[in-house]
């Protein structure tokens, strides 16, 4: 079973608490533990803040978040030109620095962080975190008799690349 939600948001600082609250409430309802929710909230905040700080003025951005089994996958997609992320967040920020810790924090809080520049889409920040569940989590009851999904973590999903083209309507 896969649960996914997507929000298209204006590039505005008021959108940060909205996306955090929507994702937090969803995870709480499903039974994710508080420590894991806290890590995901902070990593998401850093990813969204980077969009607000660095994407082109006036652009919208999109946040897709979902649960596939015991994995939470979040993608934050801005419509900007992208950047070289290969060297960012690998070294500790200087103690006097006002910024530069966002990518470091994301890498510390979640299990996987990738940045991809996708033509005609923008920069995709891909976060993955293994989930831990409360004893009586609703998700366990919802999925106990369900087969695993045949698709999964979004832009990296090879099944989506192999999907047949939709049929065109006949005229």
Protein backbone atom coordinates (compact mmCIF):
# COMPACT_ATOMS: atom_id res chain seq x y z
CA UNK A 1 0.00 0.00 0.00
CA UNK A 2 1.23 3.44 -0.85
CA UNK A 3 -0.10 6.70 0.56
CA UNK A 4 0.92 9.90 -1.22
CA UNK A 5 0.00 13.56 -1.01
CA UNK A 6 1.16 16.43 -3.16
CA UNK A 7 0.95 20.14 -2.44
CA UNK A 8 1.59 22.89 -5.01
CA UNK A 9 2.56 25.96 -3.03
CA UNK A 10 3.39 29.60 -3.67
CA UNK A 11 6.97 30.59 -2.95
CA UNK A 12 6.05 32.30 0.32
CA UNK A 13 7.35 31.83 3.86
CA UNK A 14 3.78 31.20 5.06
CA UNK A 15 3.82 27.93 3.12
CA UNK A 16 6.49 26.39 5.39
CA UNK A 17 4.27 25.79 8.44
CA UNK A 18 1.42 24.66 6.17
CA UNK A 19 3.43 21.88 4.55
CA UNK A 20 4.95 20.86 7.91
CA UNK A 21 1.54 20.63 9.61
CA UNK A 22 -0.07 18.68 6.77
CA UNK A 23 2.72 16.10 6.73
CA UNK A 24 2.96 15.91 10.54
CA UNK A 25 -0.80 15.39 10.95
CA UNK A 26 -0.78 12.69 8.26
CA UNK A 27 2.08 10.79 9.89
CA UNK A 28 0.53 11.09 13.35
CA UNK A 29 -2.78 9.72 12.05
CA UNK A 30 -0.98 6.72 10.56
CA UNK A 31 0.99 6.03 13.75
CA UNK A 32 4.56 7.14 13.01
CA UNK A 33 6.62 7.69 16.19
CA UNK A 34 7.24 11.24 17.37
CA UNK A 35 11.04 11.14 17.03
CA UNK A 36 10.82 10.14 13.37
CA UNK A 37 8.16 12.79 12.70
CA UNK A 38 10.42 15.43 14.27
CA UNK A 39 13.37 14.43 12.08
CA UNK A 40 11.23 14.53 8.94
CA UNK A 41 9.67 17.88 9.87
CA UNK A 42 13.06 19.53 10.34
CA UNK A 43 14.56 18.05 7.16
CA UNK A 44 11.48 19.14 5.20
CA UNK A 45 11.72 22.64 6.67
CA UNK A 46 15.33 22.91 5.53
CA UNK A 47 14.51 21.70 2.02
CA UNK A 48 11.59 24.11 1.65
CA UNK A 49 13.59 27.00 3.13
CA UNK A 50 16.28 26.38 0.50
CA UNK A 51 13.62 26.71 -2.20
CA UNK A 52 12.37 29.97 -0.69
CA UNK A 53 15.90 31.34 -0.41
CA UNK A 54 17.30 30.22 -3.76
CA UNK A 55 14.54 29.61 -6.33
CA UNK A 56 13.49 32.30 -8.75
CA UNK A 57 11.20 34.97 -7.31
CA UNK A 58 7.50 34.32 -7.87
CA UNK A 59 7.88 30.63 -8.71
CA UNK A 60 5.68 28.02 -7.18
CA UNK A 61 7.12 24.85 -5.77
CA UNK A 62 5.75 21.40 -5.11
CA UNK A 63 6.07 19.01 -2.20
CA UNK A 64 5.18 15.35 -2.66
CA UNK A 65 5.31 13.15 0.40
CA UNK A 66 4.34 9.58 0.77
CA UNK A 67 4.68 6.36 2.62
CA UNK A 68 5.58 3.18 0.81
CA UNK A 69 5.79 0.37 3.34
CA UNK A 70 8.18 1.48 6.10
CA UNK A 71 9.69 4.26 4.02
CA UNK A 72 8.73 7.94 3.91
CA UNK A 73 9.74 9.63 0.67
CA UNK A 74 9.57 13.38 0.22
CA UNK A 75 10.34 15.34 -2.90
CA UNK A 76 10.56 19.11 -2.96
CA UNK A 77 10.55 20.40 -6.53
CA UNK A 78 11.35 23.98 -7.38
CA UNK A 79 11.05 25.38 -10.87
CA UNK A 80 14.50 26.97 -10.81
CA UNK A 81 17.63 26.32 -12.83
CA UNK A 82 19.30 24.06 -10.27
CA UNK A 83 22.74 24.02 -8.73
CA UNK A 84 25.72 21.72 -8.17
CA UNK A 85 24.93 19.95 -4.90
CA UNK A 86 27.75 17.42 -4.99
CA UNK A 87 30.00 19.35 -2.62
CA UNK A 88 27.36 21.05 -0.46
CA UNK A 89 26.65 19.87 3.05
CA UNK A 90 29.63 17.52 3.23
CA UNK A 91 31.73 19.70 5.54
CA UNK A 92 30.71 21.33 8.80
CA UNK A 93 29.64 24.94 8.47
CA UNK A 94 31.91 27.42 10.21
CA UNK A 95 30.75 28.14 13.79
CA UNK A 96 30.30 31.85 13.00
CA UNK A 97 28.35 31.24 9.77
CA UNK A 98 24.80 32.60 9.59
CA UNK A 99 23.73 29.93 7.11
CA UNK A 100 24.99 26.92 5.24
CA UNK A 101 23.74 24.24 7.61
CA UNK A 102 20.52 23.23 5.82
CA UNK A 103 21.91 20.46 3.64
CA UNK A 104 24.07 19.25 6.55
CA UNK A 105 20.96 19.01 8.73
CA UNK A 106 19.01 17.17 6.04
CA UNK A 107 21.82 14.64 5.63
CA UNK A 108 21.95 14.11 9.42
CA UNK A 109 18.19 13.72 9.91
CA UNK A 110 17.13 11.41 7.09
CA UNK A 111 18.58 8.25 5.60
CA UNK A 112 19.00 9.50 2.04
CA UNK A 113 19.25 12.94 0.43
CA UNK A 114 19.72 13.50 -3.28
CA UNK A 115 19.49 16.55 -5.51
CA UNK A 116 18.66 16.21 -9.18
CA UNK A 117 18.32 18.84 -11.87
CA UNK A 118 15.55 17.58 -14.13
CA UNK A 119 15.10 19.36 -17.48
CA UNK A 120 11.74 21.15 -17.82
CA UNK A 121 10.95 20.30 -14.17
CA UNK A 122 13.55 21.97 -11.94
CA UNK A 123 15.59 20.90 -8.96
CA UNK A 124 14.26 17.86 -7.11
CA UNK A 125 15.32 17.41 -3.49
CA UNK A 126 14.64 13.76 -2.66
CA UNK A 127 14.53 12.75 1.03
CA UNK A 128 14.01 9.23 2.40
CA UNK A 129 13.54 8.16 6.00
CA UNK A 130 12.82 4.71 7.42
CA UNK A 131 9.72 4.89 9.57
CA UNK A 132 9.12 3.56 13.05
CA UNK A 133 5.56 2.85 14.16
CA UNK A 134 3.63 2.97 17.41
CA UNK A 135 2.39 -0.40 18.67
CA UNK A 136 -1.23 0.18 17.58
CA UNK A 137 -0.49 2.21 14.44
CA UNK A 138 -3.43 2.62 12.07
CA UNK A 139 -1.18 1.85 9.10
CA UNK A 140 -0.64 -1.69 10.40
CA UNK A 141 -4.37 -2.37 10.38
CA UNK A 142 -4.77 -0.74 6.97
CA UNK A 143 -2.01 -2.77 5.31
CA UNK A 144 -1.92 -6.11 7.13
CA UNK A 145 -3.62 -8.01 4.28
CA UNK A 146 -2.31 -5.88 1.41
CA UNK A 147 0.31 -6.89 -1.10
CA UNK A 148 3.29 -4.55 -1.52
CA UNK A 149 2.92 -1.83 -4.12
CA UNK A 150 4.49 -2.28 -7.52
CA UNK A 151 5.76 1.27 -7.64
CA UNK A 152 7.53 3.40 -5.12
CA UNK A 153 9.73 6.35 -4.49
CA UNK A 154 8.76 8.63 -7.36
CA UNK A 155 11.42 10.14 -9.61
CA UNK A 156 13.87 7.30 -8.98
CA UNK A 157 11.23 4.67 -9.80
CA UNK A 158 12.23 2.59 -12.81
CA UNK A 159 8.71 1.17 -13.14
CA UNK A 160 7.42 4.62 -14.09
CA UNK A 161 10.06 4.91 -16.82
CA UNK A 162 8.92 1.59 -18.32
CA UNK A 163 5.21 2.41 -18.21
CA UNK A 164 3.43 2.24 -21.56
CA UNK A 165 2.29 5.47 -23.13
CA UNK A 166 -1.41 6.17 -22.55
CA UNK A 167 -3.65 5.35 -25.47
CA UNK A 168 -4.77 8.31 -27.55
CA UNK A 169 -8.53 8.73 -27.96
CA UNK A 170 -9.92 7.74 -31.36
CA UNK A 171 -11.44 10.44 -33.52
